[in-house]
Amino acid sequence: MKSRDYLHNLKAAFANLNYEAMDDAILAIRETWKSGGQIITMGNGGSSLTALHFINDWNKSIYLSSGISFRGRTLLDNIGLVMSYANDISFEQIFAEQLKNILRPEDLVIGISGSGNSKNVINGILYANSIGAKTIGLCGFQGGELKNISQIPVWVNVQDMQLVEDIHAIFGHIVMKALCEK
């Protein structure tokens, strides 16, 4: 594949995005931040790195820009804790079990799954929904279960994992820019 072809496909994926859903997600993040709630991210594989990247950018840049604490965290920072839950309970519960200890109804949980079918992400979102927290699901392909159970699904309707992951990463940068505006 030539670079031009890849970028053409990325441009086509952007043309099919639901920008209203993205704006709804940004608003939910902004409202949770401004009210002092936590914004918690989770994901697998490449999406785990996207979840980490979001929190890295948002915690530093939003605070430096506004002087208002950004209470962001990811469920991926403590590998010992992740592995303990995976070993002692199940890999499918690594996020839900962590959320049971830290999540409050005024918080927001962002689940990231390229396919939308990562069982551990789904279980985390289901738990967050069950206690009344806000949920955002970033997904691709057909959207999977994550698209159906997230209060605000941000769906990249494309059948290519790299394009899905690219747009998810860009979403994180859009959030940072939006929340850093004066």
N, C-alpha and C. Protein backbone atom coordinates (compact mmCIF):
# COMPACT_ATOMS: atom_id res chain seq x y z
N MET A 1 0.85 -1.18 0.00
CA MET A 1 0.00 0.00 0.00
C MET A 1 0.88 1.24 0.00
N LYS A 2 0.52 2.18 -0.80
CA LYS A 2 1.24 3.46 -0.84
C LYS A 2 0.65 4.40 0.21
N SER A 3 1.48 5.33 0.66
CA SER A 3 1.03 6.27 1.69
C SER A 3 -0.19 7.05 1.23
N ARG A 4 -0.23 7.41 -0.03
CA ARG A 4 -1.38 8.15 -0.57
C ARG A 4 -2.68 7.35 -0.39
N ASP A 5 -2.60 6.03 -0.62
CA ASP A 5 -3.79 5.18 -0.48
C ASP A 5 -4.27 5.13 0.97
N TYR A 6 -3.31 4.98 1.87
CA TYR A 6 -3.68 4.92 3.30
C TYR A 6 -4.33 6.23 3.72
N LEU A 7 -3.72 7.34 3.35
CA LEU A 7 -4.27 8.64 3.73
C LEU A 7 -5.62 8.92 3.07
N HIS A 8 -5.80 8.43 1.85
CA HIS A 8 -7.09 8.54 1.18
C HIS A 8 -8.16 7.78 1.98
N ASN A 9 -7.81 6.58 2.45
CA ASN A 9 -8.74 5.78 3.24
C ASN A 9 -9.05 6.46 4.58
N LEU A 10 -8.04 7.09 5.18
CA LEU A 10 -8.25 7.80 6.43
C LEU A 10 -9.19 8.99 6.21
N LYS A 11 -8.99 9.70 5.13
CA LYS A 11 -9.86 10.83 4.80
C LYS A 11 -11.31 10.36 4.59
N ALA A 12 -11.49 9.23 3.94
CA ALA A 12 -12.84 8.69 3.73
C ALA A 12 -13.46 8.29 5.08
N ALA A 13 -12.66 7.75 5.98
CA ALA A 13 -13.18 7.39 7.31
C ALA A 13 -13.64 8.63 8.06
N PHE A 14 -12.90 9.72 7.95
CA PHE A 14 -13.31 10.98 8.59
C PHE A 14 -14.64 11.47 8.03
N ALA A 15 -14.86 11.28 6.75
CA ALA A 15 -16.09 11.75 6.13
C ALA A 15 -17.32 11.05 6.67
N ASN A 16 -17.13 9.82 7.22
CA ASN A 16 -18.27 9.04 7.72
C ASN A 16 -18.48 9.16 9.23
N LEU A 17 -17.71 9.99 9.90
CA LEU A 17 -17.84 10.11 11.36
C LEU A 17 -19.11 10.87 11.75
N ASN A 18 -19.62 10.51 12.90
CA ASN A 18 -20.74 11.23 13.50
C ASN A 18 -20.13 12.30 14.41
N TYR A 19 -19.99 13.49 13.89
CA TYR A 19 -19.35 14.57 14.65
C TYR A 19 -20.18 15.00 15.85
N GLU A 20 -21.48 14.83 15.77
CA GLU A 20 -22.34 15.17 16.91
C GLU A 20 -22.03 14.25 18.09
N ALA A 21 -21.81 12.97 17.83
CA ALA A 21 -21.45 12.04 18.91
C ALA A 21 -20.10 12.43 19.52
N MET A 22 -19.17 12.83 18.68
CA MET A 22 -17.87 13.27 19.19
C MET A 22 -18.05 14.51 20.07
N ASP A 23 -18.85 15.45 19.63
CA ASP A 23 -19.09 16.66 20.42
C ASP A 23 -19.81 16.33 21.72
N ASP A 24 -20.74 15.37 21.69
CA ASP A 24 -21.41 14.94 22.91
C ASP A 24 -20.41 14.34 23.90
N ALA A 25 -19.46 13.57 23.38
CA ALA A 25 -18.44 12.96 24.23
C ALA A 25 -17.54 14.03 24.84
N ILE A 26 -17.15 15.00 24.04
CA ILE A 26 -16.31 16.10 24.54
C ILE A 26 -17.05 16.86 25.63
N LEU A 27 -18.32 17.13 25.41
CA LEU A 27 -19.13 17.84 26.42
C LEU A 27 -19.21 17.03 27.72
N ALA A 28 -19.41 15.73 27.62
CA ALA A 28 -19.49 14.89 28.82
C ALA A 28 -18.16 14.90 29.58
N ILE A 29 -17.05 14.87 28.85
CA ILE A 29 -15.74 14.93 29.49
C ILE A 29 -15.56 16.30 30.16
N ARG A 30 -15.92 17.37 29.45
CA ARG A 30 -15.81 18.72 30.01
C ARG A 30 -16.65 18.86 31.28
N GLU A 31 -17.90 18.41 31.23
CA GLU A 31 -18.79 18.54 32.39
C GLU A 31 -18.28 17.74 33.58
N THR A 32 -17.77 16.55 33.33
CA THR A 32 -17.23 15.73 34.42
C THR A 32 -16.00 16.41 35.02
N TRP A 33 -15.12 16.91 34.19
CA TRP A 33 -13.92 17.62 34.65
C TRP A 33 -14.31 18.84 35.48
N LYS A 34 -15.19 19.67 34.94
CA LYS A 34 -15.57 20.91 35.63
C LYS A 34 -16.28 20.65 36.97
N SER A 35 -16.98 19.52 37.07
CA SER A 35 -17.68 19.21 38.32
C SER A 35 -16.80 18.45 39.31
N GLY A 36 -15.55 18.18 38.93
CA GLY A 36 -14.62 17.51 39.84
C GLY A 36 -14.66 16.00 39.81
N GLY A 37 -15.39 15.43 38.87
CA GLY A 37 -15.42 13.98 38.75
C GLY A 37 -14.15 13.44 38.10
N GLN A 38 -13.98 12.14 38.21
CA GLN A 38 -12.86 11.46 37.56
C GLN A 38 -13.22 11.09 36.13
N ILE A 39 -12.23 11.11 35.27
CA ILE A 39 -12.37 10.58 33.92
C ILE A 39 -11.42 9.39 33.87
N ILE A 40 -11.98 8.21 33.64
CA ILE A 40 -11.23 6.95 33.73
C ILE A 40 -11.24 6.27 32.37
N THR A 41 -10.06 5.86 31.89
CA THR A 41 -9.95 5.21 30.58
C THR A 41 -9.51 3.76 30.73
N MET A 42 -9.87 2.95 29.71
CA MET A 42 -9.47 1.54 29.67
C MET A 42 -9.52 1.05 28.24
N GLY A 43 -8.68 0.07 27.93
CA GLY A 43 -8.65 -0.54 26.60
C GLY A 43 -7.63 -1.66 26.56
N ASN A 44 -7.62 -2.42 25.48
CA ASN A 44 -6.70 -3.54 25.27
C ASN A 44 -5.75 -3.25 24.12
N GLY A 45 -4.61 -3.93 24.11
CA GLY A 45 -3.69 -3.84 22.98
C GLY A 45 -3.34 -2.40 22.65
N GLY A 46 -3.44 -2.04 21.38
CA GLY A 46 -3.18 -0.67 20.97
C GLY A 46 -4.11 0.32 21.65
N SER A 47 -5.33 -0.11 21.94
CA SER A 47 -6.28 0.76 22.62
C SER A 47 -5.87 1.04 24.06
N SER A 48 -5.10 0.13 24.67
CA SER A 48 -4.60 0.41 26.02
C SER A 48 -3.61 1.57 25.98
N LEU A 49 -2.82 1.61 24.93
CA LEU A 49 -1.86 2.71 24.79
C LEU A 49 -2.58 4.02 24.47
N THR A 50 -3.67 3.95 23.73
CA THR A 50 -4.49 5.14 23.48
C THR A 50 -5.08 5.64 24.80
N ALA A 51 -5.58 4.73 25.62
CA ALA A 51 -6.14 5.10 26.93
C ALA A 51 -5.09 5.78 27.80
N LEU A 52 -3.87 5.25 27.79
CA LEU A 52 -2.77 5.87 28.54
C LEU A 52 -2.42 7.24 27.97
N HIS A 53 -2.37 7.33 26.65
CA HIS A 53 -2.03 8.60 25.98
C HIS A 53 -3.04 9.69 26.32
N PHE A 54 -4.33 9.33 26.30
CA PHE A 54 -5.36 10.31 26.66
C PHE A 54 -5.05 10.91 28.02
N ILE A 55 -4.84 10.07 29.01
CA ILE A 55 -4.66 10.54 30.39
C ILE A 55 -3.37 11.33 30.52
N ASN A 56 -2.33 10.89 29.85
CA ASN A 56 -1.07 11.63 29.87
C ASN A 56 -1.28 13.06 29.35
N ASP A 57 -1.86 13.18 28.18
CA ASP A 57 -2.08 14.50 27.57
C ASP A 57 -3.06 15.34 28.40
N TRP A 58 -4.17 14.74 28.77
CA TRP A 58 -5.23 15.51 29.43
C TRP A 58 -4.80 15.98 30.82
N ASN A 59 -4.20 15.11 31.61
CA ASN A 59 -3.80 15.52 32.96
C ASN A 59 -2.82 16.68 32.93
N LYS A 60 -1.82 16.59 32.07
CA LYS A 60 -0.80 17.63 32.03
C LYS A 60 -1.31 18.89 31.33
N SER A 61 -1.75 18.74 30.12
CA SER A 61 -2.05 19.92 29.30
C SER A 61 -3.27 20.69 29.76
N ILE A 62 -4.30 19.99 30.18
CA ILE A 62 -5.52 20.69 30.59
C ILE A 62 -5.26 21.45 31.89
N TYR A 63 -4.54 20.83 32.82
CA TYR A 63 -4.21 21.54 34.06
C TYR A 63 -3.31 22.75 33.78
N LEU A 64 -2.27 22.56 32.97
CA LEU A 64 -1.35 23.67 32.69
C LEU A 64 -2.07 24.81 31.98
N SER A 65 -3.02 24.48 31.14
CA SER A 65 -3.75 25.51 30.38
C SER A 65 -4.77 26.26 31.24
N SER A 66 -5.42 25.53 32.15
CA SER A 66 -6.55 26.12 32.88
C SER A 66 -6.28 26.40 34.35
N GLY A 67 -5.31 25.69 34.93
CA GLY A 67 -5.09 25.78 36.37
C GLY A 67 -6.11 24.99 37.17
N ILE A 68 -6.99 24.29 36.48
CA ILE A 68 -8.02 23.46 37.14
C ILE A 68 -7.58 22.00 37.06
N SER A 69 -7.53 21.34 38.20
CA SER A 69 -7.12 19.93 38.23
C SER A 69 -7.98 19.11 37.28
N PHE A 70 -7.31 18.23 36.57
CA PHE A 70 -8.00 17.26 35.72
C PHE A 70 -7.79 15.90 36.38
N ARG A 71 -8.87 15.31 36.88
CA ARG A 71 -8.78 14.07 37.64
C ARG A 71 -8.90 12.87 36.72
N GLY A 72 -7.89 12.72 35.84
CA GLY A 72 -7.88 11.61 34.90
C GLY A 72 -7.04 10.46 35.41
N ARG A 73 -7.48 9.26 35.12
CA ARG A 73 -6.70 8.07 35.43
C ARG A 73 -7.04 6.98 34.44
N THR A 74 -6.13 6.05 34.32
CA THR A 74 -6.37 4.90 33.47
C THR A 74 -6.30 3.64 34.32
N LEU A 75 -6.98 2.61 33.91
CA LEU A 75 -6.97 1.35 34.63
C LEU A 75 -5.82 0.46 34.18
N LEU A 76 -4.86 1.05 33.48
CA LEU A 76 -3.75 0.28 32.92
C LEU A 76 -2.41 0.58 33.56
N ASP A 77 -2.36 1.55 34.46
CA ASP A 77 -1.08 1.96 35.04
C ASP A 77 -0.44 0.93 35.95
N ASN A 78 -1.23 0.16 36.67
CA ASN A 78 -0.70 -0.75 37.67
C ASN A 78 -0.77 -2.18 37.13
N ILE A 79 0.30 -2.61 36.46
CA ILE A 79 0.30 -3.92 35.82
C ILE A 79 0.16 -5.04 36.84
N GLY A 80 0.70 -4.84 38.05
CA GLY A 80 0.54 -5.85 39.10
C GLY A 80 -0.92 -6.05 39.46
N LEU A 81 -1.67 -4.96 39.58
CA LEU A 81 -3.09 -5.04 39.89
C LEU A 81 -3.87 -5.69 38.75
N VAL A 82 -3.56 -5.29 37.52
CA VAL A 82 -4.22 -5.88 36.35
C VAL A 82 -3.99 -7.39 36.34
N MET A 83 -2.75 -7.80 36.54
CA MET A 83 -2.43 -9.23 36.50
C MET A 83 -3.03 -9.98 37.69
N SER A 84 -3.12 -9.34 38.84
CA SER A 84 -3.75 -9.99 39.99
C SER A 84 -5.21 -10.30 39.71
N TYR A 85 -5.94 -9.33 39.18
CA TYR A 85 -7.34 -9.58 38.84
C TYR A 85 -7.45 -10.63 37.73
N ALA A 86 -6.58 -10.57 36.74
CA ALA A 86 -6.62 -11.54 35.65
C ALA A 86 -6.37 -12.95 36.18
N ASN A 87 -5.41 -13.08 37.08
CA ASN A 87 -5.07 -14.39 37.62
C ASN A 87 -6.10 -14.89 38.62
N ASP A 88 -6.54 -14.03 39.53
CA ASP A 88 -7.39 -14.47 40.63
C ASP A 88 -8.88 -14.51 40.29
N ILE A 89 -9.30 -13.70 39.33
CA ILE A 89 -10.73 -13.67 38.96
C ILE A 89 -10.85 -14.08 37.49
N SER A 90 -10.55 -13.16 36.57
CA SER A 90 -10.50 -13.49 35.14
C SER A 90 -10.07 -12.24 34.38
N PHE A 91 -9.47 -12.44 33.22
CA PHE A 91 -9.06 -11.31 32.39
C PHE A 91 -10.28 -10.49 31.99
N GLU A 92 -11.42 -11.13 31.83
CA GLU A 92 -12.63 -10.42 31.43
C GLU A 92 -13.13 -9.45 32.50
N GLN A 93 -12.63 -9.55 33.72
CA GLN A 93 -13.09 -8.70 34.82
C GLN A 93 -12.04 -7.68 35.29
N ILE A 94 -10.92 -7.56 34.58
CA ILE A 94 -9.82 -6.70 35.09
C ILE A 94 -10.23 -5.24 35.26
N PHE A 95 -11.14 -4.77 34.44
CA PHE A 95 -11.55 -3.36 34.55
C PHE A 95 -12.72 -3.20 35.51
N ALA A 96 -13.72 -4.05 35.42
CA ALA A 96 -14.87 -3.95 36.32
C ALA A 96 -14.44 -4.07 37.77
N GLU A 97 -13.52 -4.96 38.06
CA GLU A 97 -13.07 -5.14 39.45
C GLU A 97 -12.35 -3.90 39.96
N GLN A 98 -11.52 -3.28 39.13
CA GLN A 98 -10.87 -2.04 39.54
C GLN A 98 -11.89 -0.92 39.76
N LEU A 99 -12.89 -0.85 38.89
CA LEU A 99 -13.90 0.19 39.01
C LEU A 99 -14.70 0.06 40.30
N LYS A 100 -14.91 -1.16 40.75
CA LYS A 100 -15.67 -1.37 41.99
C LYS A 100 -15.02 -0.65 43.16
N ASN A 101 -13.73 -0.47 43.11
CA ASN A 101 -12.98 0.15 44.20
C ASN A 101 -12.90 1.68 44.10
N ILE A 102 -13.03 2.24 42.89
CA ILE A 102 -12.73 3.67 42.72
C ILE A 102 -13.85 4.49 42.10
N LEU A 103 -14.78 3.86 41.40
CA LEU A 103 -15.76 4.60 40.60
C LEU A 103 -16.90 5.12 41.45
N ARG A 104 -17.28 6.37 41.18
CA ARG A 104 -18.44 7.01 41.81
C ARG A 104 -19.42 7.43 40.71
N PRO A 105 -20.69 7.61 41.07
CA PRO A 105 -21.68 7.97 40.05
C PRO A 105 -21.37 9.27 39.31
N GLU A 106 -20.63 10.18 39.91
CA GLU A 106 -20.32 11.45 39.23
C GLU A 106 -19.12 11.35 38.28
N ASP A 107 -18.56 10.16 38.15
CA ASP A 107 -17.40 9.94 37.29
C ASP A 107 -17.82 9.54 35.88
N LEU A 108 -16.85 9.50 34.99
CA LEU A 108 -17.06 9.12 33.59
C LEU A 108 -16.03 8.05 33.22
N VAL A 109 -16.47 7.01 32.55
CA VAL A 109 -15.60 5.93 32.11
C VAL A 109 -15.58 5.89 30.59
N ILE A 110 -14.37 5.85 30.03
CA ILE A 110 -14.19 5.77 28.59
C ILE A 110 -13.60 4.40 28.27
N GLY A 111 -14.36 3.59 27.56
CA GLY A 111 -13.89 2.28 27.10
C GLY A 111 -13.48 2.37 25.64
N ILE A 112 -12.31 1.81 25.32
CA ILE A 112 -11.80 1.86 23.96
C ILE A 112 -11.58 0.43 23.47
N SER A 113 -12.23 0.08 22.36
CA SER A 113 -12.10 -1.25 21.78
C SER A 113 -12.29 -1.13 20.27
N GLY A 114 -11.26 -1.44 19.52
CA GLY A 114 -11.36 -1.33 18.06
C GLY A 114 -12.56 -2.09 17.51
N SER A 115 -12.73 -3.32 17.95
CA SER A 115 -13.83 -4.15 17.47
C SER A 115 -15.14 -3.82 18.17
N GLY A 116 -15.04 -3.27 19.37
CA GLY A 116 -16.23 -3.05 20.19
C GLY A 116 -16.67 -4.29 20.94
N ASN A 117 -15.86 -5.34 20.88
CA ASN A 117 -16.24 -6.61 21.49
C ASN A 117 -15.28 -7.10 22.57
N SER A 118 -14.40 -6.25 23.06
CA SER A 118 -13.48 -6.66 24.12
C SER A 118 -14.27 -6.86 25.40
N LYS A 119 -14.34 -8.10 25.86
CA LYS A 119 -15.20 -8.45 26.99
C LYS A 119 -14.83 -7.68 28.26
N ASN A 120 -13.54 -7.45 28.51
CA ASN A 120 -13.17 -6.73 29.73
C ASN A 120 -13.62 -5.27 29.66
N VAL A 121 -13.55 -4.66 28.50
CA VAL A 121 -14.02 -3.28 28.32
C VAL A 121 -15.54 -3.24 28.48
N ILE A 122 -16.23 -4.18 27.86
CA ILE A 122 -17.68 -4.26 27.96
C ILE A 122 -18.10 -4.41 29.42
N ASN A 123 -17.44 -5.30 30.16
CA ASN A 123 -17.79 -5.51 31.57
C ASN A 123 -17.54 -4.25 32.40
N GLY A 124 -16.48 -3.51 32.08
CA GLY A 124 -16.24 -2.25 32.78
C GLY A 124 -17.33 -1.23 32.51
N ILE A 125 -17.75 -1.11 31.25
CA ILE A 125 -18.81 -0.17 30.90
C ILE A 125 -20.14 -0.60 31.54
N LEU A 126 -20.42 -1.89 31.53
CA LEU A 126 -21.66 -2.37 32.17
C LEU A 126 -21.66 -2.05 33.66
N TYR A 127 -20.52 -2.23 34.32
CA TYR A 127 -20.46 -1.90 35.74
C TYR A 127 -20.68 -0.40 35.95
N ALA A 128 -20.00 0.43 35.15
CA ALA A 128 -20.15 1.88 35.28
C ALA A 128 -21.60 2.29 35.07
N ASN A 129 -22.25 1.72 34.06
CA ASN A 129 -23.66 2.02 33.83
C ASN A 129 -24.51 1.61 35.03
N SER A 130 -24.17 0.50 35.64
CA SER A 130 -25.00 -0.04 36.73
C SER A 130 -24.99 0.84 37.97
N ILE A 131 -23.95 1.66 38.15
CA ILE A 131 -23.92 2.54 39.33
C ILE A 131 -24.27 3.98 38.97
N GLY A 132 -24.61 4.23 37.71
CA GLY A 132 -25.05 5.56 37.31
C GLY A 132 -23.94 6.49 36.85
N ALA A 133 -22.74 5.97 36.61
CA ALA A 133 -21.67 6.80 36.05
C ALA A 133 -21.94 7.02 34.56
N LYS A 134 -21.30 8.04 34.00
CA LYS A 134 -21.41 8.30 32.56
C LYS A 134 -20.43 7.39 31.82
N THR A 135 -20.79 6.99 30.60
CA THR A 135 -19.91 6.12 29.82
C THR A 135 -19.81 6.57 28.37
N ILE A 136 -18.60 6.47 27.86
CA ILE A 136 -18.30 6.73 26.45
C ILE A 136 -17.62 5.48 25.92
N GLY A 137 -18.02 5.04 24.74
CA GLY A 137 -17.38 3.89 24.11
C GLY A 137 -16.81 4.28 22.76
N LEU A 138 -15.50 4.16 22.62
CA LEU A 138 -14.85 4.38 21.33
C LEU A 138 -14.67 3.03 20.66
N CYS A 139 -15.26 2.87 19.49
CA CYS A 139 -15.23 1.58 18.81
C CYS A 139 -15.14 1.78 17.31
N GLY A 140 -14.91 0.68 16.61
CA GLY A 140 -14.81 0.71 15.15
C GLY A 140 -15.57 -0.46 14.55
N PHE A 141 -15.23 -0.82 13.32
CA PHE A 141 -15.85 -1.93 12.60
C PHE A 141 -17.37 -1.80 12.66
N GLN A 142 -18.09 -2.81 13.14
CA GLN A 142 -19.55 -2.74 13.24
C GLN A 142 -20.01 -2.12 14.56
N GLY A 143 -19.06 -1.77 15.43
CA GLY A 143 -19.38 -1.15 16.71
C GLY A 143 -19.43 -2.13 17.86
N GLY A 144 -19.75 -3.38 17.55
CA GLY A 144 -19.80 -4.41 18.57
C GLY A 144 -20.77 -4.07 19.69
N GLU A 145 -20.65 -4.80 20.77
CA GLU A 145 -21.52 -4.58 21.92
C GLU A 145 -21.25 -3.22 22.57
N LEU A 146 -20.01 -2.74 22.49
CA LEU A 146 -19.66 -1.47 23.11
C LEU A 146 -20.51 -0.33 22.55
N LYS A 147 -20.75 -0.35 21.27
CA LYS A 147 -21.59 0.69 20.64
C LYS A 147 -23.00 0.69 21.23
N ASN A 148 -23.50 -0.49 21.56
CA ASN A 148 -24.87 -0.61 22.05
C ASN A 148 -25.03 -0.29 23.53
N ILE A 149 -23.99 -0.50 24.32
CA ILE A 149 -24.14 -0.32 25.77
C ILE A 149 -23.59 1.00 26.29
N SER A 150 -22.77 1.69 25.51
CA SER A 150 -22.22 2.98 25.94
C SER A 150 -23.28 4.05 25.84
N GLN A 151 -23.31 4.93 26.82
CA GLN A 151 -24.26 6.04 26.77
C GLN A 151 -23.95 6.97 25.60
N ILE A 152 -22.66 7.16 25.34
CA ILE A 152 -22.23 7.97 24.20
C ILE A 152 -21.25 7.14 23.38
N PRO A 153 -21.73 6.48 22.33
CA PRO A 153 -20.80 5.73 21.47
C PRO A 153 -20.16 6.66 20.44
N VAL A 154 -18.84 6.55 20.32
CA VAL A 154 -18.10 7.25 19.27
C VAL A 154 -17.61 6.15 18.35
N TRP A 155 -18.34 5.95 17.27
CA TRP A 155 -18.15 4.81 16.39
C TRP A 155 -17.44 5.24 15.11
N VAL A 156 -16.33 4.58 14.82
CA VAL A 156 -15.59 4.77 13.57
C VAL A 156 -16.03 3.64 12.64
N ASN A 157 -16.90 3.95 11.72
CA ASN A 157 -17.50 2.95 10.84
C ASN A 157 -16.56 2.63 9.68
N VAL A 158 -15.51 1.88 10.01
CA VAL A 158 -14.53 1.47 9.00
C VAL A 158 -14.02 0.09 9.41
N GLN A 159 -13.65 -0.70 8.44
CA GLN A 159 -13.25 -2.09 8.67
C GLN A 159 -11.73 -2.25 8.64
N ASP A 160 -11.01 -1.36 9.30
CA ASP A 160 -9.55 -1.37 9.29
C ASP A 160 -9.07 -0.90 10.66
N MET A 161 -8.41 -1.81 11.40
CA MET A 161 -8.02 -1.50 12.77
C MET A 161 -7.10 -0.29 12.86
N GLN A 162 -6.17 -0.14 11.93
CA GLN A 162 -5.25 0.98 12.01
C GLN A 162 -5.97 2.32 11.81
N LEU A 163 -6.92 2.36 10.91
CA LEU A 163 -7.69 3.59 10.71
C LEU A 163 -8.55 3.89 11.94
N VAL A 164 -9.14 2.86 12.52
CA VAL A 164 -9.93 3.03 13.75
C VAL A 164 -9.04 3.61 14.84
N GLU A 165 -7.87 3.00 15.05
CA GLU A 165 -6.96 3.47 16.10
C GLU A 165 -6.47 4.89 15.82
N ASP A 166 -6.22 5.23 14.55
CA ASP A 166 -5.80 6.59 14.21
C ASP A 166 -6.86 7.60 14.64
N ILE A 167 -8.11 7.32 14.33
CA ILE A 167 -9.17 8.28 14.64
C ILE A 167 -9.40 8.34 16.15
N HIS A 168 -9.29 7.23 16.84
CA HIS A 168 -9.40 7.28 18.30
C HIS A 168 -8.32 8.16 18.90
N ALA A 169 -7.09 8.04 18.41
CA ALA A 169 -5.99 8.88 18.91
C ALA A 169 -6.27 10.35 18.62
N ILE A 170 -6.76 10.63 17.44
CA ILE A 170 -7.09 12.01 17.08
C ILE A 170 -8.20 12.55 17.97
N PHE A 171 -9.18 11.71 18.29
CA PHE A 171 -10.25 12.12 19.22
C PHE A 171 -9.64 12.63 20.52
N GLY A 172 -8.65 11.91 21.05
CA GLY A 172 -7.99 12.35 22.28
C GLY A 172 -7.36 13.71 22.15
N HIS A 173 -6.77 13.99 21.00
CA HIS A 173 -6.16 15.29 20.77
C HIS A 173 -7.22 16.39 20.63
N ILE A 174 -8.34 16.05 20.01
CA ILE A 174 -9.44 17.01 19.89
C ILE A 174 -9.95 17.38 21.28
N VAL A 175 -10.12 16.37 22.15
CA VAL A 175 -10.57 16.63 23.52
C VAL A 175 -9.60 17.58 24.21
N MET A 176 -8.32 17.29 24.10
CA MET A 176 -7.32 18.13 24.76
C MET A 176 -7.40 19.56 24.26
N LYS A 177 -7.46 19.75 22.97
CA LYS A 177 -7.53 21.10 22.40
C LYS A 177 -8.81 21.81 22.86
N ALA A 178 -9.92 21.10 22.87
CA ALA A 178 -11.20 21.70 23.26
C ALA A 178 -11.18 22.13 24.72
N LEU A 179 -10.61 21.32 25.58
CA LEU A 179 -10.60 21.64 27.00
C LEU A 179 -9.49 22.62 27.38
N CYS A 180 -8.52 22.77 26.52
CA CYS A 180 -7.45 23.75 26.78
C CYS A 180 -7.78 25.15 26.28
N GLU A 181 -8.85 25.27 25.50
CA GLU A 181 -9.23 26.60 25.00
C GLU A 181 -9.60 27.51 26.15
N LYS A 182 -9.21 28.72 26.02
CA LYS A 182 -9.50 29.73 27.06
C LYS A 182 -10.93 30.21 26.94
